[in-house]
Protein backbone atom coordinates (compact mmCIF):
# COMPACT_ATOMS: atom_id res chain seq x y z
CA MET A 1 0.07 0.02 0.08
CA THR A 2 1.18 3.44 -0.67
CA ALA A 3 -0.27 6.86 0.21
CA SER A 4 -1.71 7.24 -3.27
CA ASP A 5 -3.53 3.86 -2.96
CA PRO A 6 -7.30 4.76 -2.85
CA SER A 7 -8.30 1.43 -1.20
CA PRO A 8 -9.45 1.72 2.46
CA LEU A 9 -7.24 0.47 5.48
CA ARG A 10 -9.06 -2.45 7.03
CA ILE A 11 -8.32 -2.30 10.83
CA ALA A 12 -9.72 -5.21 12.96
CA ASN A 13 -10.18 -5.14 16.66
CA CYS A 14 -9.59 -8.33 18.74
CA SER A 15 -9.75 -7.03 22.32
CA GLY A 16 -12.04 -4.63 24.19
CA PHE A 17 -10.51 -5.15 27.51
CA TYR A 18 -7.84 -6.93 29.54
CA GLY A 19 -9.76 -10.35 29.83
CA ASP A 20 -11.69 -10.39 26.44
CA ARG A 21 -12.07 -13.52 24.27
CA LEU A 22 -8.77 -15.18 23.71
CA SER A 23 -9.69 -16.56 20.35
CA ALA A 24 -10.58 -13.11 18.86
CA ALA A 25 -7.17 -12.52 17.23
CA HIS A 26 -7.36 -15.88 15.37
CA GLU A 27 -10.96 -15.20 14.41
CA MET A 28 -10.16 -11.69 12.93
CA VAL A 29 -6.89 -12.87 11.03
CA GLU A 30 -8.60 -15.94 9.55
CA GLY A 31 -12.12 -14.58 9.09
CA GLY A 32 -11.29 -12.28 6.01
CA PRO A 33 -8.62 -9.82 4.80
CA ILE A 34 -7.43 -7.19 7.24
CA ASP A 35 -4.29 -4.83 7.11
CA VAL A 36 -4.02 -4.08 10.70
CA LEU A 37 -4.89 -6.14 13.81
CA THR A 38 -5.42 -4.00 16.89
CA GLY A 39 -6.95 -4.28 20.44
CA ASP A 40 -7.53 -2.37 23.52
CA TRP A 41 -6.28 -3.80 26.80
CA LEU A 42 -6.33 -0.74 29.11
CA ALA A 43 -9.00 0.74 31.05
CA GLU A 44 -8.55 3.19 34.02
CA LEU A 45 -8.82 0.30 36.44
CA THR A 46 -6.33 -1.80 34.38
CA MET A 47 -3.49 0.47 35.31
CA LEU A 48 -3.99 -0.57 38.93
CA VAL A 49 -4.17 -4.15 37.93
CA LEU A 50 -0.93 -4.03 36.16
CA HIS A 51 0.80 -2.14 38.98
CA LYS A 52 -0.10 -5.09 41.33
CA ASP A 53 1.29 -7.54 38.58
CA ARG A 54 4.43 -5.64 38.41
CA GLN A 55 4.77 -5.84 42.15
CA ARG A 56 4.26 -9.58 42.19
CA ARG A 57 6.10 -10.56 39.10
CA PRO A 58 9.48 -9.38 37.97
CA GLY A 59 9.16 -8.12 34.41
CA GLY A 60 5.33 -7.78 34.79
CA GLY A 61 3.08 -4.69 34.26
CA PHE A 62 1.78 -5.61 30.69
CA ALA A 63 -1.24 -7.58 29.52
CA ARG A 64 -0.04 -11.10 29.15
CA THR A 65 -3.24 -12.31 27.23
CA PHE A 66 -1.93 -10.01 24.36
CA VAL A 67 1.11 -12.32 23.90
CA GLN A 68 -1.25 -15.52 24.42
CA GLN A 69 -3.40 -14.22 21.52
CA LEU A 70 -0.46 -13.57 19.27
CA GLU A 71 0.76 -17.12 19.57
CA GLY A 72 -1.68 -18.48 17.07
CA VAL A 73 -1.44 -15.58 14.67
CA LEU A 74 1.92 -14.12 14.47
CA GLY A 75 3.25 -16.35 11.58
CA THR A 76 0.18 -15.59 9.50
CA CYS A 77 0.19 -11.80 10.19
CA ALA A 78 3.92 -11.95 9.09
CA GLU A 79 3.19 -13.78 5.86
CA ARG A 80 0.27 -11.53 4.92
CA GLY A 81 1.83 -8.22 5.90
CA VAL A 82 -0.76 -7.52 8.72
CA ARG A 83 0.61 -4.94 11.08
CA ILE A 84 -0.28 -5.44 14.94
CA VAL A 85 -0.78 -2.35 16.98
CA SER A 86 -1.74 -2.61 20.78
CA ASN A 87 -1.74 -0.80 24.07
CA ALA A 88 -1.11 -4.01 25.75
CA GLY A 89 2.24 -2.72 27.04
CA GLY A 90 0.55 -0.98 29.80
CA LEU A 91 3.16 -0.04 32.41
CA ASN A 92 5.90 -2.07 30.75
CA PRO A 93 5.88 -1.81 26.91
CA GLN A 94 9.53 -3.08 26.77
CA GLY A 95 8.61 -6.13 28.74
CA ALA A 96 5.70 -6.83 26.52
CA ALA A 97 7.94 -6.35 23.34
CA GLU A 98 10.55 -8.66 24.80
CA ALA A 99 7.90 -11.29 25.37
CA VAL A 100 6.72 -10.90 21.68
CA ARG A 101 10.14 -11.11 20.50
CA ALA A 102 10.81 -14.37 22.36
CA LEU A 103 7.62 -15.75 21.00
CA ALA A 104 8.57 -14.82 17.51
CA ASP A 105 11.95 -16.48 17.81
CA ARG A 106 10.48 -19.61 19.16
CA LEU A 107 8.00 -19.62 16.24
CA GLY A 108 10.76 -18.80 13.78
CA VAL A 109 8.98 -15.63 12.57
CA PRO A 110 11.06 -12.59 11.63
CA LEU A 111 9.53 -9.49 13.22
CA ARG A 112 10.41 -5.94 13.94
CA VAL A 113 8.83 -4.97 17.15
CA ALA A 114 8.61 -1.31 18.19
CA THR A 115 7.52 0.34 21.44
CA VAL A 116 5.92 3.54 22.07
CA THR A 117 6.38 5.12 25.64
CA GLY A 118 6.55 8.65 27.00
CA ASP A 119 3.25 8.30 28.80
CA ASP A 120 4.70 7.45 32.22
CA LEU A 121 4.78 10.51 34.31
CA THR A 122 5.22 8.81 37.77
CA GLY A 123 8.95 9.78 37.96
CA ARG A 124 8.24 13.23 36.69
CA LEU A 125 5.70 14.48 39.36
CA GLY A 126 8.26 16.53 41.24
CA GLU A 127 9.42 18.22 38.10
CA LEU A 128 5.81 18.97 37.01
CA ALA A 129 5.13 20.48 40.42
CA ALA A 130 8.27 22.61 40.07
CA THR A 131 6.90 24.03 36.89
CA ASN A 132 3.59 24.94 38.51
CA GLU A 133 1.67 21.84 37.22
CA PRO A 134 -0.06 20.67 40.41
CA LEU A 135 -1.99 17.97 38.40
CA THR A 136 -5.28 19.49 39.76
CA ASN A 137 -8.14 17.00 39.78
CA VAL A 138 -10.34 18.03 36.70
CA ASP A 139 -13.53 16.98 38.50
CA THR A 140 -12.94 18.33 41.87
CA GLY A 141 -10.53 21.33 41.42
CA GLU A 142 -8.18 19.88 44.16
CA PRO A 143 -4.41 19.93 43.82
CA LEU A 144 -2.62 16.51 43.85
CA ALA A 145 -1.37 17.25 47.22
CA ALA A 146 -4.92 17.03 48.49
CA LEU A 147 -4.83 13.28 47.57
CA GLY A 148 -2.81 12.57 50.82
CA ARG A 149 -1.09 9.52 49.33
CA PRO A 150 1.83 9.00 47.05
CA PRO A 151 0.78 8.21 43.53
CA ILE A 152 1.66 4.75 42.44
CA THR A 153 0.98 5.32 38.65
CA ALA A 154 0.58 8.46 36.65
CA ASN A 155 0.08 8.11 32.86
CA ALA A 156 -0.74 10.66 30.21
CA TYR A 157 -2.93 9.80 27.28
CA LEU A 158 -1.07 10.03 24.18
CA GLY A 159 -2.18 10.05 20.42
CA GLY A 160 -1.36 8.26 17.35
CA SER A 161 1.72 10.11 16.25
CA GLY A 162 4.08 7.62 17.84
CA ILE A 163 2.25 4.71 16.34
CA ALA A 164 2.33 6.28 12.83
CA ALA A 165 6.15 7.00 13.30
CA ALA A 166 6.82 3.23 14.32
CA LEU A 167 4.75 2.00 11.38
CA ARG A 168 6.60 4.34 8.88
CA SER A 169 9.93 3.05 10.23
CA GLY A 170 8.99 -0.52 9.32
CA ALA A 171 7.68 -1.96 12.49
CA ASP A 172 5.51 -5.22 12.23
CA VAL A 173 4.33 -4.95 15.68
CA VAL A 174 3.75 -1.68 17.61
CA ILE A 175 3.33 -2.01 21.47
CA THR A 176 2.43 1.18 23.37
CA GLY A 177 1.86 2.41 26.93
CA ARG A 178 -0.99 4.60 27.63
CA VAL A 179 -2.51 5.95 24.50
CA THR A 180 -6.11 6.84 23.91
CA ASP A 181 -8.33 3.99 22.73
CA ALA A 182 -9.04 5.82 19.45
CA ALA A 183 -5.24 6.31 18.85
CA LEU A 184 -5.05 2.79 18.00
CA VAL A 185 -7.07 3.54 14.77
CA VAL A 186 -5.80 7.08 14.32
CA GLY A 187 -2.12 6.16 14.40
CA PRO A 188 -2.37 3.61 11.49
CA GLY A 189 -4.70 5.99 9.58
CA MET A 190 -1.90 8.70 9.86
CA TRP A 191 0.62 6.19 8.71
CA ARG A 192 -1.51 5.06 5.63
CA PHE A 193 -2.92 8.30 4.55
CA GLY A 194 -0.19 10.89 5.70
CA TRP A 195 -2.49 12.86 7.93
CA ASP A 196 -0.83 15.52 9.89
CA PRO A 197 -2.56 17.09 13.04
CA GLY A 198 -0.78 20.27 12.17
CA ARG A 199 -2.49 20.74 8.89
CA ALA A 200 -5.95 22.10 8.98
CA GLU A 201 -7.16 20.37 5.83
CA ASP A 202 -6.49 16.97 7.72
CA LEU A 203 -8.55 17.73 10.79
CA ASP A 204 -11.85 16.30 9.49
CA ALA A 205 -10.12 13.20 8.37
CA LEU A 206 -8.49 12.81 11.82
CA ALA A 207 -11.81 13.32 13.52
CA GLY A 208 -13.45 10.67 11.39
CA ALA A 209 -10.61 8.20 12.41
CA VAL A 210 -11.27 9.24 16.07
CA ALA A 211 -14.96 8.20 15.57
CA ALA A 212 -14.15 4.87 14.08
CA GLY A 213 -11.55 4.18 16.64
CA HIS A 214 -14.04 4.87 19.35
CA VAL A 215 -16.56 2.55 17.76
CA ILE A 216 -14.47 -0.49 17.46
CA GLU A 217 -12.19 -0.09 20.56
CA CYS A 218 -14.69 -1.93 22.83
CA GLY A 219 -14.72 -5.17 20.66
CA CYS A 220 -18.20 -6.68 20.51
CA GLN A 221 -20.15 -3.78 21.91
CA ALA A 222 -20.10 -2.36 18.20
CA THR A 223 -21.59 -5.72 16.84
CA GLY A 224 -24.56 -6.21 19.10
CA GLY A 225 -22.93 -6.89 22.48
CA ASN A 226 -24.49 -5.23 25.49
CA TYR A 227 -27.15 -3.74 23.11
CA SER A 228 -30.42 -2.61 24.70
CA PHE A 229 -32.34 -4.52 21.97
CA PHE A 230 -30.32 -7.57 22.19
CA GLN A 231 -33.23 -9.74 21.24
CA GLU A 232 -32.90 -8.47 17.65
CA VAL A 233 -29.23 -9.47 17.42
CA PRO A 234 -28.78 -12.81 15.59
CA ASP A 235 -26.40 -15.43 17.21
CA LEU A 236 -25.21 -13.06 19.87
CA ALA A 237 -23.57 -16.06 21.60
CA ASN A 238 -21.07 -16.27 18.67
CA CYS A 239 -20.78 -12.50 18.23
CA GLY A 240 -17.99 -11.45 15.75
CA PHE A 241 -15.62 -8.65 16.58
CA PRO A 242 -15.73 -5.47 14.67
CA LEU A 243 -13.54 -4.05 11.89
CA THR A 244 -13.55 -0.63 10.19
CA GLU A 245 -12.77 0.11 6.59
CA LEU A 246 -11.02 3.54 6.99
CA HIS A 247 -10.85 5.77 4.01
CA ALA A 248 -8.40 8.65 3.07
CA ASP A 249 -11.01 11.42 3.83
CA GLY A 250 -11.63 9.90 7.34
CA SER A 251 -14.89 8.23 6.48
CA SER A 252 -15.30 4.63 7.46
CA VAL A 253 -17.49 1.64 7.22
CA ILE A 254 -18.07 -0.36 10.51
CA THR A 255 -18.62 -4.12 9.65
CA LYS A 256 -17.59 -7.53 10.83
CA HIS A 257 -16.41 -10.70 9.02
CA PRO A 258 -19.04 -12.72 7.13
CA GLY A 259 -20.48 -15.80 8.85
CA THR A 260 -19.95 -14.28 12.37
CA GLY A 261 -22.82 -13.65 14.81
CA GLY A 262 -23.96 -10.28 15.89
CA LEU A 263 -25.21 -7.24 14.11
CA VAL A 264 -23.83 -4.02 12.85
CA SER A 265 -26.54 -1.45 12.48
CA VAL A 266 -27.05 2.09 12.94
CA GLY A 267 -28.46 1.32 16.39
CA THR A 268 -25.34 -0.67 17.45
CA VAL A 269 -22.96 1.91 16.17
CA THR A 270 -24.90 4.67 17.89
CA ALA A 271 -24.84 2.98 21.15
CA GLN A 272 -21.18 2.59 21.02
CA LEU A 273 -20.63 6.23 19.87
CA LEU A 274 -22.51 7.23 23.02
CA TYR A 275 -20.26 4.93 25.26
CA GLU A 276 -18.18 6.81 27.84
CA ILE A 277 -18.32 10.20 26.34
CA GLY A 278 -19.03 13.56 27.79
CA SER A 279 -19.62 16.55 25.39
CA PRO A 280 -20.28 15.69 21.74
CA HIS A 281 -16.92 17.63 21.18
CA TYR A 282 -14.89 14.48 21.82
CA LEU A 283 -11.30 15.47 22.41
CA ASN A 284 -8.32 13.32 21.52
CA PRO A 285 -4.55 14.25 21.34
CA ASP A 286 -4.40 14.54 17.65
CA ALA A 287 -7.84 16.21 16.96
CA GLY A 288 -11.11 17.03 18.45
CA ALA A 289 -14.06 15.11 16.77
CA ARG A 290 -17.56 16.80 16.69
CA PHE A 291 -19.76 13.76 17.16
CA ASP A 292 -22.86 15.96 16.76
CA THR A 293 -22.01 16.44 13.08
CA LEU A 294 -21.34 12.97 11.91
CA ARG A 295 -23.94 10.91 10.03
CA LEU A 296 -24.57 7.04 10.04
CA ILE A 297 -25.78 5.41 6.96
CA GLN A 298 -26.85 1.64 6.78
CA GLU A 299 -25.12 0.89 3.53
CA SER A 300 -26.25 -2.83 3.55
CA GLN A 301 -26.38 -5.74 6.00
CA ASP A 302 -23.88 -5.38 8.75
CA ARG A 303 -22.26 -2.32 6.97
CA VAL A 304 -22.57 1.19 8.67
CA ARG A 305 -21.04 4.23 7.05
CA ILE A 306 -19.71 6.94 9.28
CA GLU A 307 -19.24 10.27 7.45
CA GLY A 308 -19.12 13.99 7.99
CA CYS A 309 -17.37 14.14 11.34
CA LEU A 310 -15.92 17.66 11.64
CA GLY A 311 -12.51 18.08 13.25
CA THR A 312 -11.01 20.65 15.56
CA PRO A 313 -7.41 21.35 16.49
CA ALA A 314 -5.69 19.08 18.92
CA PRO A 315 -6.14 20.16 22.59
CA ARG A 316 -3.28 22.03 24.28
CA ARG A 317 -3.59 19.96 27.49
CA LEU A 318 -3.78 16.06 27.57
CA LYS A 319 -5.45 13.91 30.14
CA VAL A 320 -3.48 12.19 32.93
CA ALA A 321 -4.72 9.22 34.96
CA VAL A 322 -3.11 9.22 38.39
CA ASN A 323 -3.62 6.18 40.77
CA ALA A 324 -2.85 5.92 44.54
CA ASP A 325 -3.29 3.19 47.11
CA GLY A 326 -6.46 3.75 48.93
CA GLY A 327 -6.07 1.09 51.59
CA TYR A 328 -8.23 -2.02 52.09
CA ARG A 329 -11.84 -3.02 51.73
CA ASN A 330 -14.24 -5.75 52.36
CA THR A 331 -17.90 -6.43 51.35
CA MET A 332 -20.47 -8.91 53.03
CA THR A 333 -24.05 -9.20 51.55
CA VAL A 334 -26.93 -10.40 53.58
CA SER A 335 -30.31 -11.84 52.03
CA ILE A 336 -33.51 -10.54 53.40
CA ALA A 337 -36.56 -12.41 52.44
CA GLY A 338 -40.22 -11.87 53.18
CA LEU A 339 -41.94 -8.97 55.17
CA ASP A 340 -40.47 -6.13 57.06
CA VAL A 341 -37.42 -5.64 55.05
CA PRO A 342 -36.50 -2.16 56.30
CA ALA A 343 -36.87 -3.38 59.97
CA LYS A 344 -34.83 -6.50 59.35
CA ALA A 345 -32.11 -4.47 57.59
CA LYS A 346 -31.93 -1.98 60.63
CA LEU A 347 -31.69 -4.94 63.04
CA ALA A 348 -28.86 -6.63 60.93
CA GLU A 349 -26.91 -3.38 60.98
CA GLU A 350 -27.34 -2.83 64.72
CA ALA A 351 -26.35 -6.36 65.52
CA LEU A 352 -23.18 -6.07 63.25
CA TRP A 353 -21.89 -2.69 64.65
CA ALA A 354 -22.40 -4.11 68.13
CA ARG A 355 -19.99 -6.89 67.41
CA ILE A 356 -17.17 -4.46 66.30
CA PRO A 357 -15.26 -2.36 68.75
CA GLY A 358 -15.99 1.14 68.02
CA GLY A 359 -18.89 0.20 65.75
CA ARG A 360 -19.35 1.86 62.31
CA ALA A 361 -17.35 4.96 63.34
CA SER A 362 -14.23 2.83 63.60
CA PHE A 363 -13.87 2.51 59.91
CA GLU A 364 -12.56 5.21 57.58
CA ARG A 365 -15.51 4.67 55.52
CA ALA A 366 -18.64 2.33 55.89
CA GLU A 367 -21.16 2.13 53.25
CA VAL A 368 -24.46 0.29 53.56
CA ASP A 369 -26.89 -0.29 50.53
CA LEU A 370 -30.10 -1.94 50.65
CA LEU A 371 -30.91 -3.47 47.13
CA PRO A 372 -34.73 -4.04 46.98
CA GLY A 373 -36.14 -7.38 45.96
CA ASP A 374 -39.46 -8.24 44.61
CA LEU A 375 -41.94 -9.49 47.21
CA ALA A 376 -44.38 -10.58 44.62
CA GLN A 377 -41.82 -12.77 42.93
CA TYR A 378 -40.37 -13.97 46.15
CA ALA A 379 -37.14 -12.40 45.27
CA PRO A 380 -35.17 -11.31 48.43
CA SER A 381 -33.62 -7.91 49.23
CA LEU A 382 -29.84 -7.71 49.52
CA LEU A 383 -28.23 -5.65 52.28
CA ARG A 384 -24.64 -4.94 51.13
CA ILE A 385 -22.06 -3.69 53.82
CA THR A 386 -18.83 -2.35 52.68
CA VAL A 387 -16.01 -1.10 54.90
CA LEU A 388 -12.88 0.70 53.93
CA ASP A 389 -9.89 1.38 56.10
CA PRO A 390 -5.96 1.70 55.98
CA ASP A 391 -6.08 -1.05 58.55
CA LYS A 392 -5.92 -4.37 56.62
CA GLU A 393 -6.82 -6.41 59.70
CA LYS A 394 -9.79 -4.35 60.79
CA VAL A 395 -11.46 -4.81 57.46
CA GLY A 396 -10.38 -8.47 56.96
CA ARG A 397 -11.67 -11.46 58.84
CA ALA A 398 -12.40 -9.33 61.94
CA PHE A 399 -15.28 -7.64 59.90
CA SER A 400 -16.51 -10.67 57.87
CA ALA A 401 -16.49 -12.80 61.04
CA ALA A 402 -18.60 -10.24 62.84
CA VAL A 403 -21.28 -10.49 60.17
CA VAL A 404 -21.24 -14.30 60.44
CA GLU A 405 -21.51 -14.22 64.16
CA THR A 406 -24.85 -12.47 64.21
CA ALA A 407 -26.42 -15.27 62.11
CA LEU A 408 -28.40 -16.91 65.05
CA ALA A 409 -29.33 -13.75 66.96
CA THR A 410 -31.01 -11.43 64.37
CA PHE A 411 -33.99 -11.48 62.06
CA PRO A 412 -35.80 -14.69 60.73
CA GLY A 413 -34.34 -16.05 57.58
CA TYR A 414 -30.99 -14.39 57.97
CA HIS A 415 -28.16 -15.73 55.71
CA THR A 416 -25.12 -14.36 53.86
CA VAL A 417 -24.72 -14.66 50.16
CA THR A 418 -20.98 -13.98 50.37
CA ARG A 419 -18.44 -15.99 52.06
CA PRO A 420 -16.32 -14.49 55.01
CA SER A 421 -13.06 -13.26 53.31
CA GLY A 422 -9.97 -11.28 54.00
CA ALA A 423 -9.40 -7.56 52.97
CA SER A 424 -8.52 -6.62 49.41
CA SER A 425 -6.53 -3.46 48.52
CA TYR A 426 -8.31 -0.74 46.45
CA GLY A 427 -7.07 2.28 44.61
CA ILE A 428 -8.07 5.83 44.24
CA TYR A 429 -8.35 7.36 40.67
CA TRP A 430 -7.27 10.94 40.15
CA PRO A 431 -8.04 12.60 36.68
CA ALA A 432 -5.70 15.48 35.83
CA SER A 433 -4.17 17.04 32.72
CA VAL A 434 -0.74 18.51 31.61
CA PRO A 435 0.27 20.67 28.71
CA ALA A 436 0.89 18.65 25.64
CA ARG A 437 4.09 20.42 24.94
CA LEU A 438 5.76 18.66 28.00
CA LEU A 439 5.26 15.35 26.46
CA THR A 440 6.90 13.37 23.77
CA HIS A 441 6.33 9.89 22.16
CA GLN A 442 9.54 7.85 22.53
CA VAL A 443 9.44 5.37 19.68
CA GLU A 444 12.08 2.49 20.11
CA LEU A 445 12.77 0.16 17.09
CA ASP A 446 15.91 -1.91 16.66
CA GLY A 447 17.51 -0.15 19.64
CA VAL A 448 17.13 3.29 18.12
CA VAL A 449 15.01 5.85 19.97
CA THR A 450 13.24 8.38 18.12
CA GLU A 451 11.26 11.42 19.91
CA ILE A 452 8.02 12.67 18.50
CA PRO A 453 6.45 15.75 20.01
CA ALA A 454 3.05 15.08 21.67
CA ALA A 455 2.05 18.66 20.99
CA HIS A 456 1.01 19.74 17.48
CA CYS A 457 1.47 23.05 15.67
CA ALA A 458 -2.22 23.92 16.03
CA PRO A 459 -3.74 25.19 12.90
CA ALA A 460 -6.58 27.81 13.09
CA ALA A 461 -9.88 26.34 14.00
CA PRO A 462 -11.82 25.81 10.87
CA ALA A 463 -14.17 28.48 9.55
CA GLY A 464 -17.82 28.06 9.75
CA LEU A 465 -17.77 25.28 12.44
CA PRO A 466 -21.20 25.00 13.79
CA PRO A 467 -21.74 25.63 17.54
CA LEU A 468 -22.53 22.74 19.75
CA PRO A 469 -26.39 21.88 20.15
CA ALA A 470 -27.92 23.73 23.07
CA PRO A 471 -28.41 21.33 26.07
CA ASP A 472 -32.15 21.86 26.11
CA PRO A 473 -34.52 21.74 23.04
CA GLU A 474 -36.10 24.89 21.63
CA GLY A 475 -39.74 25.20 20.91
CA PRO A 476 -42.76 23.62 22.49
CA ASP A 477 -43.15 19.88 23.17
CA PRO A 478 -44.86 18.45 20.07
CA PHE A 479 -46.53 15.79 22.16
CA ALA A 480 -47.98 18.16 24.79
CA GLY A 481 -51.55 17.26 25.64
CA GLU A 482 -51.48 14.03 23.52
CA PRO A 483 -52.81 10.79 25.19
CA THR A 484 -50.19 8.70 26.98
CA VAL A 485 -49.71 5.34 28.67
CA ARG A 486 -47.44 4.62 31.55
CA LEU A 487 -44.69 2.22 30.38
CA PRO A 488 -40.89 1.63 30.89
CA ILE A 489 -39.04 4.26 28.99
CA GLY A 490 -36.93 1.42 27.35
CA THR A 491 -40.15 0.52 25.39
CA LEU A 492 -38.95 3.20 22.88
CA ILE A 493 -35.42 4.18 24.02
CA GLY A 494 -32.06 2.47 24.00
CA ALA A 495 -29.30 3.20 26.37
CA ARG A 496 -25.63 2.73 26.90
CA SER A 497 -23.82 3.73 30.13
CA GLY A 498 -20.26 3.54 31.66
CA ASP A 499 -17.77 5.09 33.81
CA LYS A 500 -15.63 8.13 33.37
CA GLY A 501 -13.42 8.31 36.34
CA GLY A 502 -15.63 9.29 39.22
CA ASN A 503 -18.39 10.18 36.90
CA ALA A 504 -20.97 8.16 34.94
CA ASN A 505 -22.16 8.68 31.40
CA LEU A 506 -25.61 7.70 30.38
CA GLY A 507 -26.33 7.97 26.59
CA LEU A 508 -29.85 7.42 25.29
CA TRP A 509 -31.15 7.24 21.69
CA ALA A 510 -34.33 6.83 19.73
CA ARG A 511 -35.02 4.88 16.64
CA SER A 512 -37.24 7.38 14.91
CA SER A 513 -37.18 11.19 14.60
CA GLN A 514 -40.59 11.35 16.17
CA ALA A 515 -39.35 9.23 19.21
CA TYR A 516 -36.35 11.55 19.45
CA ASP A 517 -38.49 14.70 19.57
CA TRP A 518 -40.41 13.12 22.60
CA LEU A 519 -37.16 11.91 24.18
CA ASP A 520 -35.53 15.24 23.70
CA HIS A 521 -38.39 17.21 25.31
CA HIS A 522 -39.49 14.61 27.88
CA LEU A 523 -36.10 13.48 29.37
CA THR A 524 -35.00 16.73 30.98
CA THR A 525 -32.32 16.85 33.77
CA GLU A 526 -35.14 17.26 36.20
CA ARG A 527 -36.84 14.14 34.95
CA LEU A 528 -33.71 12.21 35.11
CA ARG A 529 -33.39 13.02 38.66
CA GLU A 530 -36.97 11.77 39.31
CA LEU A 531 -36.36 8.47 37.61
CA LEU A 532 -32.92 7.89 39.03
CA PRO A 533 -33.08 9.26 42.59
CA GLU A 534 -29.36 8.45 43.15
CA THR A 535 -28.59 11.49 40.89
CA ALA A 536 -30.81 13.96 42.78
CA GLN A 537 -28.10 15.61 44.75
CA LEU A 538 -25.40 15.37 42.07
CA HIS A 539 -24.27 17.83 39.37
CA VAL A 540 -25.53 16.45 35.91
CA GLU A 541 -24.61 17.82 32.50
CA ARG A 542 -27.03 17.25 29.53
CA TYR A 543 -25.76 17.10 26.05
CA ARG A 544 -27.80 16.75 22.67
CA LEU A 545 -26.75 14.87 19.55
CA PRO A 546 -29.56 15.44 17.05
CA ASN A 547 -27.86 13.63 14.19
CA LEU A 548 -27.79 10.46 16.31
CA LEU A 549 -31.30 11.06 17.60
CA ALA A 550 -29.50 10.99 21.10
CA VAL A 551 -29.04 12.78 24.38
CA ASN A 552 -26.11 12.15 26.67
CA PHE A 553 -25.85 12.73 30.46
CA VAL A 554 -22.80 13.14 32.57
CA ILE A 555 -23.52 12.44 36.26
CA HIS A 556 -20.61 13.94 38.35
CA GLY A 557 -19.53 12.17 41.40
CA LEU A 558 -21.81 9.03 41.08
CA LEU A 559 -18.72 6.82 41.11
CA GLY A 560 -16.79 8.72 43.83
CA ARG A 561 -13.05 8.21 43.67
CA GLY A 562 -13.30 5.95 40.56
CA VAL A 563 -14.10 2.31 39.91
CA ALA A 564 -11.68 0.81 42.46
CA ALA A 565 -12.76 3.01 45.41
CA ASN A 566 -16.49 3.16 45.07
CA THR A 567 -18.92 0.90 46.74
CA ARG A 568 -21.85 0.74 44.36
CA HIS A 569 -23.24 -2.66 43.34
CA ASP A 570 -22.39 -1.56 39.78
CA PRO A 571 -19.13 0.22 40.37
CA GLN A 572 -18.56 1.04 36.53
CA ALA A 573 -22.12 2.10 35.96
CA LYS A 574 -22.64 -0.43 33.15
CA SER A 575 -26.07 -1.29 34.37
CA LEU A 576 -27.16 2.40 34.85
CA GLY A 577 -28.70 2.68 31.31
CA GLU A 578 -30.67 -0.40 31.74
CA GLN A 579 -32.01 0.75 35.17
CA LEU A 580 -33.28 3.85 33.58
CA ARG A 581 -34.95 1.88 30.74
CA ALA A 582 -37.00 0.07 33.32
CA ARG A 583 -38.31 3.11 34.91
CA LEU A 584 -42.00 3.84 34.17
CA THR A 585 -42.90 7.15 32.47
CA GLU A 586 -45.77 8.60 30.37
CA ILE A 587 -45.24 7.68 26.72
CA PRO A 588 -47.53 9.17 23.95
CA THR A 589 -49.68 6.38 22.67
CA ALA A 590 -49.05 7.80 19.05
CA LEU A 591 -45.36 6.45 19.36
CA LEU A 592 -46.51 3.02 20.00
CA ALA A 593 -48.22 2.32 16.91
C-alpha cells in the first residue's frame, strides 16, 4: 500500500479489555482480509491491576493475554503483511516487546517490534510540580497534594503520532503504553494516509478516524454486544468482533467478518458512539471530533458508514490518569426475604456494629446499601455492607466474621450470600491534565529511539464550524396534551452507560425522529433526577446529539473516587442505562403504533 492507494485501510479489533475473548485474534486474522490487527487492553482500572502485577512478578506490568493471542496468528500476520498495534504494553511496553520477540524467535517468525512510550509521568511528578503543574483534579479542582497519598501510577494519554512513526519506520508490531483508545486506529490512519494534525485540511479526516476508533475499541459492543435491543441480534452467543474500513477522507465503514454472529446496525454503532463520552466535542490528542456532526448510513447488512465528522485542532492539554493506594476494603452481603425488610435491615446493621469495637465509626468509610427485591416474585432484598480502612486487619476477617457471628441472633431467615473473606486492596483514581508540549512519544525500534512531540502546531480552527447543540430543546413539546400510557422508557429508547473516572455517562437514543422529539423534550435533567433518585443531589450535564437522535448525560461524582474505590453494586455504571430503561414514564400512545 502507498499513500496514493485509494483502497481503504481495514483495521480489525480483537480485544475490548484485559480479559476479552482469547480466540478473537485468530478469528479476525482468519475470518477475512485485514491490514491491521489492533486491540484495547487498558481501562482506568487496568493500570492498577498492572501495577499489582508488576509488584508480584519481575518483568510484569503488561497484558499477558496479548502475547497469548499472538501465538496463534503471529506467523500468518507476518506472511500476509498484517501490522499489529496494541496498547497492551501498559506499564511495561518493553517487557511486552521482549515477550513478543521471544515468541517470534520460538516460532521462527522474523519480526520488527517497536515500542511507544513517553506516557509514564510517575517519575516526573516533582518536576511537574516545580513548573507549577499541580495535576489538579479536573473533576473537583483539588491539587494533587490533597490526595494525601503518594501516587503509584501517573500516565498521560498520548495520541497516534508515535504509532504512525513506528509503522513508517517498518515496525511489524507496535506496542504502546497509555494511548487513547481511538489512537489505535488514528495512528495507522496517519501512517497509511499521511494525515498531519498540524494541517487544517487533515482535521476532518483525523476526526473521522477518532470516531471509527471509538466505535471499534470496545470489541463486540459495536456488533450487538451489551445492546439494549439484544433480542434483535442474531447469534449473539457467537458475536463477531468489529473492523473498520477507513478511507483517506476519514470516513469509514463499520462491519464484521461474514458468517459471524452479531449485528452491525445504525443502532449498535450509535450505542457505541455514546459510550463513555461527555460533550459531543470528543477531544483526542491529535484532533477533536464533533460527534454531533457525523452521520450514520446503513449501507447494507452489517455495514454502517460513518461520514461528515468535523474536526477541531488538537487540545493543548492532555489527560493524565493518576492512581494511588487507597487502603483495604471488604464487602459482605446479607439476604433479606419476606416481610418487614427495612426493619430487618436495621436490625442486621445494629447487630453487626455491636460486634465491632467502636462500631461503624471505627472505619474510615462504611457504606450500607439495601438493594430491593420483589416480594411478589419471592425475590429477596440484599443488604450490602462495605467497609474501607487503611488497617488491613480491621476490614479483613475481623469484619466478615462479625457479620457471620450475628447469624443466630438476628431477624428470621438471615443468611449471607458472600463467604467470609480477607481484605483486598483498592485504589483511588485521580483525573488530571498536563500541557501537551511537556510530552513526547519515544519510539524505540531496533535499539534506536526517536522522539516525536506530543504537541502539534495547532492550525486555526476551521471557519464555519457550527456551535454545539444547546443542552435543552427549543420550541414547544410536540406531544404536549397527547394521550399517554405509563410504560418503561425502554419500550422506545435504547441506552448505553459507563464510567468516566468518578463520573458516569448515560447515553440514550431513539430509533425514529418522532421518538427523538419526544425523548428530547421529555427526558430533561429534572426528570432524570426523578427517575434515578441517586442522581438527585449530583451535578448533571446534559448534551444533545440530534444527528444521532440521542442525548447524553454526565453524572458527576456518582462513582466517587473511581471504579476501584466506590462501593456501588455496579461500580462501573454499566447497568445504569438499563436501570433507567426499566423506569416507568408517560409515553405518547401515538409513538407505540
